[in-house]
């Protein structure tokens, strides 16, 4: 009987000890809080830039779109064209112009059209930036009139930073002469379909060597012996329209 009681005591002690240890384990467990939610994405601003060709027979080269602050200009009347502008105005290639812009500390965002814009055609390029970068934002656009030696058009430093979502602004662009190539209008120096000749040439044979308003096409119909252009290639200002819509 003593042996049986001792055995019962030992069993009772084991049960109580097990219950105590289980209670201690339960109380010592620390609840892990859930991870905090990720921060919201930064607010963005978006603009649709639509360029429409208003000419009769002057395709526009792929457009260059540059969002920037004060301190950057794509061109200045009376000043020599920078190398990137020269390449675009003579050959229609905006690569160097956009590379120069992207390297400028005042430039926020750049974009490019995908293809030339024919007469009566249009193309839209969308630029996206942080909304915190929108304050003071200016917009410049550049494109070549490809049936010319070095005529270009576009938009210089239009203020768009204060536009609200849904706002629309429109600007007309006139023709400028880059002042880097003589306006012979001969096919061998015109890269567009009216010539199919050489585009960019680093040698500057225009004595002016400065950006100016374009005098317009003279053409063979007007007695310009070197010209391979006709009266259909003439253009009146404005040569393009830029429509800007803030979409976000």
Protein backbone atom coordinates (compact mmCIF):
# COMPACT_ATOMS: atom_id res chain seq x y z
CA UNK A 1 0.00 0.00 0.00
CA UNK A 2 2.91 2.34 0.75
CA UNK A 3 4.46 1.51 -2.59
CA UNK A 4 1.23 2.24 -4.39
CA UNK A 5 0.83 5.60 -2.60
CA UNK A 6 4.39 6.58 -3.43
CA UNK A 7 3.76 5.75 -7.05
CA UNK A 8 0.61 7.86 -7.08
CA UNK A 9 2.50 10.77 -5.51
CA UNK A 10 5.17 10.56 -8.19
CA UNK A 11 2.57 10.51 -10.99
CA UNK A 12 0.73 13.45 -9.46
CA UNK A 13 3.98 15.42 -9.23
CA UNK A 14 4.80 14.70 -12.88
CA UNK A 15 1.37 15.86 -14.01
CA UNK A 16 1.50 19.09 -11.97
CA UNK A 17 5.05 19.83 -13.19
CA UNK A 18 4.06 19.29 -16.77
CA UNK A 19 1.11 21.66 -16.38
CA UNK A 20 3.39 24.28 -14.80
CA UNK A 21 5.94 24.04 -17.61
CA UNK A 22 3.23 24.30 -20.24
CA UNK A 23 1.81 27.38 -18.55
CA UNK A 24 5.26 28.98 -18.44
CA UNK A 25 5.85 28.25 -22.12
CA UNK A 26 2.48 29.80 -23.04
CA UNK A 27 3.10 32.93 -21.01
CA UNK A 28 6.65 33.43 -22.36
CA UNK A 29 5.57 33.47 -26.05
CA UNK A 30 5.78 37.01 -27.56
CA UNK A 31 3.32 37.96 -30.31
CA UNK A 32 5.10 39.23 -33.49
CA UNK A 33 3.37 42.31 -34.89
CA UNK A 34 2.52 42.30 -38.61
CA UNK A 35 4.93 44.23 -40.88
CA UNK A 36 3.96 47.83 -41.60
CA UNK A 37 2.27 48.47 -44.94
CA UNK A 38 4.58 49.63 -47.75
CA UNK A 39 4.72 53.37 -48.33
CA UNK A 40 2.46 54.67 -51.11
CA UNK A 41 4.13 55.22 -54.48
CA UNK A 42 5.26 58.78 -55.16
CA UNK A 43 2.76 61.02 -56.92
CA UNK A 44 3.39 61.29 -60.66
CA UNK A 45 2.56 63.88 -63.33
CA UNK A 46 1.98 63.01 -67.00
CA UNK A 47 1.65 65.16 -70.10
CA UNK A 48 0.57 64.18 -73.62
CA UNK A 49 2.43 66.23 -76.24
CA UNK A 50 0.72 66.07 -79.64
CA UNK A 51 2.44 67.64 -82.66
CA UNK A 52 0.36 68.20 -85.83
CA UNK A 53 1.89 68.95 -89.24
CA UNK A 54 0.21 71.97 -90.86
CA UNK A 55 2.23 72.01 -94.11
CA UNK A 56 1.32 70.87 -97.60
CA UNK A 57 4.43 68.87 -98.49
CA UNK A 58 6.91 69.08 -95.65
CA UNK A 59 7.18 65.90 -93.55
CA UNK A 60 8.44 66.54 -90.03
CA UNK A 61 11.25 64.45 -88.60
CA UNK A 62 10.63 62.45 -85.37
CA UNK A 63 9.92 65.04 -82.72
CA UNK A 64 12.20 65.73 -79.76
CA UNK A 65 10.38 66.56 -76.50
CA UNK A 66 12.29 68.07 -73.58
CA UNK A 67 10.89 68.95 -70.15
CA UNK A 68 13.25 71.29 -68.30
CA UNK A 69 13.68 74.20 -65.97
CA UNK A 70 14.98 77.70 -66.64
CA UNK A 71 18.62 77.55 -67.65
CA UNK A 72 18.19 75.26 -70.67
CA UNK A 73 17.14 76.34 -74.16
CA UNK A 74 16.93 74.20 -77.27
CA UNK A 75 17.76 77.22 -79.45
CA UNK A 76 18.08 81.00 -79.28
CA UNK A 77 17.41 83.36 -82.19
CA UNK A 78 20.66 85.05 -83.20
CA UNK A 79 22.93 82.44 -81.58
CA UNK A 80 24.79 79.64 -83.34
CA UNK A 81 22.98 76.29 -83.29
CA UNK A 82 24.46 73.75 -80.91
CA UNK A 83 25.73 70.49 -82.52
CA UNK A 84 22.62 68.51 -81.57
CA UNK A 85 20.30 71.08 -83.13
CA UNK A 86 22.49 71.14 -86.26
CA UNK A 87 22.19 67.36 -86.68
CA UNK A 88 18.43 67.48 -86.30
CA UNK A 89 17.94 70.52 -88.56
CA UNK A 90 20.09 69.08 -91.36
CA UNK A 91 19.38 65.36 -91.15
CA UNK A 92 16.24 64.91 -89.03
CA UNK A 93 18.01 62.80 -86.39
CA UNK A 94 17.19 63.99 -82.85
CA UNK A 95 19.56 61.56 -81.06
CA UNK A 96 22.37 64.05 -80.38
CA UNK A 97 19.94 66.81 -79.41
CA UNK A 98 18.26 64.59 -76.81
CA UNK A 99 21.62 63.35 -75.51
CA UNK A 100 22.80 66.93 -75.02
CA UNK A 101 19.57 67.73 -73.22
CA UNK A 102 19.76 64.68 -70.95
CA UNK A 103 23.26 65.71 -69.88
CA UNK A 104 22.07 69.18 -68.82
CA UNK A 105 21.32 69.55 -65.11
CA UNK A 106 18.29 71.73 -65.87
CA UNK A 107 16.56 68.99 -67.91
CA UNK A 108 14.02 66.81 -66.09
CA UNK A 109 12.69 64.46 -68.77
CA UNK A 110 13.02 63.81 -72.52
CA UNK A 111 11.02 61.92 -75.12
CA UNK A 112 11.06 61.17 -78.83
CA UNK A 113 8.58 60.52 -81.57
CA UNK A 114 8.71 57.14 -83.27
CA UNK A 115 8.52 58.22 -86.91
CA UNK A 116 8.28 61.20 -89.26
CA UNK A 117 4.96 63.06 -89.33
CA UNK A 118 3.52 63.56 -92.81
CA UNK A 119 1.48 66.55 -93.94
CA UNK A 120 -1.84 66.68 -92.02
CA UNK A 121 -0.54 63.95 -89.71
CA UNK A 122 0.16 64.04 -85.98
CA UNK A 123 1.88 62.09 -83.24
CA UNK A 124 1.61 62.08 -79.44
CA UNK A 125 4.55 61.65 -77.09
CA UNK A 126 3.86 61.15 -73.36
CA UNK A 127 6.28 62.35 -70.70
CA UNK A 128 6.10 61.20 -67.08
CA UNK A 129 7.83 62.74 -64.09
CA UNK A 130 7.54 62.97 -60.33
CA UNK A 131 4.91 65.49 -59.33
CA UNK A 132 7.48 67.03 -57.00
CA UNK A 133 9.52 67.90 -60.14
CA UNK A 134 6.61 69.64 -61.88
CA UNK A 135 6.99 73.06 -60.26
CA UNK A 136 8.53 75.47 -62.76
CA UNK A 137 8.52 72.91 -65.57
CA UNK A 138 9.07 74.24 -69.11
CA UNK A 139 8.57 72.38 -72.38
CA UNK A 140 10.61 72.55 -75.59
CA UNK A 141 9.93 70.64 -78.82
CA UNK A 142 12.06 70.33 -81.96
CA UNK A 143 11.64 68.80 -85.43
CA UNK A 144 13.08 69.25 -88.95
CA UNK A 145 11.16 70.17 -92.08
CA UNK A 146 12.82 67.38 -94.04
CA UNK A 147 12.29 68.76 -97.56
CA UNK A 148 14.69 71.63 -96.77
CA UNK A 149 18.39 72.12 -96.15
CA UNK A 150 18.25 73.02 -92.46
CA UNK A 151 14.80 74.33 -91.58
CA UNK A 152 13.31 73.29 -88.26
CA UNK A 153 10.38 74.17 -86.06
CA UNK A 154 9.16 73.57 -82.58
CA UNK A 155 8.47 75.17 -79.25
CA UNK A 156 10.88 76.86 -76.87
CA UNK A 157 10.39 76.97 -73.10
CA UNK A 158 6.59 76.94 -72.79
CA UNK A 159 5.51 77.05 -69.14
CA UNK A 160 3.48 73.92 -68.25
CA UNK A 161 4.29 73.31 -64.59
CA UNK A 162 1.15 75.04 -63.27
CA UNK A 163 -1.24 73.04 -65.47
CA UNK A 164 -3.86 71.05 -63.54
CA UNK A 165 -5.00 67.57 -64.53
CA UNK A 166 -7.28 67.96 -67.55
CA UNK A 167 -5.84 71.31 -68.61
CA UNK A 168 -4.96 71.74 -72.30
CA UNK A 169 -2.65 74.30 -73.90
CA UNK A 170 -1.90 74.79 -77.60
CA UNK A 171 0.97 76.58 -79.31
CA UNK A 172 1.77 77.20 -82.98
CA UNK A 173 5.31 76.74 -84.27
CA UNK A 174 6.93 78.72 -87.09
CA UNK A 175 9.86 77.77 -89.32
CA UNK A 176 13.44 78.63 -88.33
CA UNK A 177 16.70 78.36 -90.24
CA UNK A 178 19.50 76.68 -88.26
CA UNK A 179 22.07 78.73 -90.18
CA UNK A 180 24.38 75.75 -90.65
CA UNK A 181 23.78 74.83 -94.30
CA UNK A 182 23.32 77.05 -97.34
CA UNK A 183 19.72 76.99 -98.62
CA UNK A 184 20.55 75.68 -102.09
CA UNK A 185 17.43 73.43 -102.06
CA UNK A 186 19.36 70.96 -104.22
CA UNK A 187 18.32 67.32 -103.90
CA UNK A 188 21.78 66.12 -102.88
CA UNK A 189 21.52 68.16 -99.67
CA UNK A 190 17.89 67.42 -98.82
CA UNK A 191 17.25 64.21 -96.81
CA UNK A 192 13.46 64.19 -97.31
CA UNK A 193 11.47 62.46 -100.05
CA UNK A 194 11.81 65.47 -102.36
CA UNK A 195 15.57 64.98 -102.44
CA UNK A 196 16.74 61.77 -100.82
CA UNK A 197 20.23 63.24 -100.47
CA UNK A 198 22.73 63.87 -97.70
CA UNK A 199 21.43 64.94 -94.35
CA UNK A 200 23.85 66.07 -91.66
CA UNK A 201 27.26 67.38 -92.64
CA UNK A 202 29.49 68.77 -89.89
CA UNK A 203 30.90 71.44 -92.21
CA UNK A 204 28.92 74.66 -91.83
CA UNK A 205 28.66 76.41 -95.21
CA UNK A 206 26.08 79.03 -94.23
CA UNK A 207 28.01 82.23 -93.57
CA UNK A 208 25.43 83.43 -91.06
CA UNK A 209 26.01 80.47 -88.70
CA UNK A 210 23.16 81.57 -86.47
CA UNK A 211 19.55 80.63 -85.90
CA UNK A 212 17.08 82.94 -87.64
CA UNK A 213 13.54 83.00 -88.94
CA UNK A 214 13.35 80.97 -92.15
CA UNK A 215 12.87 82.97 -95.34
CA UNK A 216 10.75 80.22 -96.87
CA UNK A 217 11.14 77.99 -99.90
CA UNK A 218 12.07 79.82 -103.11
CA UNK A 219 11.93 76.73 -105.41
CA UNK A 220 12.70 76.21 -109.07
CA UNK A 221 9.37 77.78 -109.98
CA UNK A 222 10.70 81.06 -108.62
CA UNK A 223 13.89 80.90 -110.65
CA UNK A 224 16.29 79.42 -108.07
CA UNK A 225 18.61 77.48 -110.39
CA UNK A 226 19.98 75.18 -107.69
CA UNK A 227 16.54 74.20 -106.36
CA UNK A 228 14.98 70.80 -106.89
CA UNK A 229 11.90 71.82 -104.94
CA UNK A 230 8.66 73.04 -106.49
CA UNK A 231 5.90 75.37 -105.40
CA UNK A 232 4.15 72.48 -103.62
CA UNK A 233 6.96 72.45 -101.05
CA UNK A 234 6.36 76.04 -99.99
CA UNK A 235 5.01 76.61 -96.50
CA UNK A 236 3.31 79.39 -94.61
CA UNK A 237 3.64 79.96 -90.89
CA UNK A 238 2.65 78.32 -88.67
CA UNK A 239 4.06 74.98 -89.85
CA UNK A 240 2.98 72.91 -86.85
CA UNK A 241 0.77 72.94 -83.79
CA UNK A 242 1.72 71.61 -80.36
CA UNK A 243 -1.12 70.49 -78.09
CA UNK A 244 -0.25 69.79 -74.45
CA UNK A 245 -2.64 67.99 -72.11
CA UNK A 246 -1.92 67.12 -68.51
CA UNK A 247 -3.40 63.67 -67.99
CA UNK A 248 -2.17 62.92 -64.45
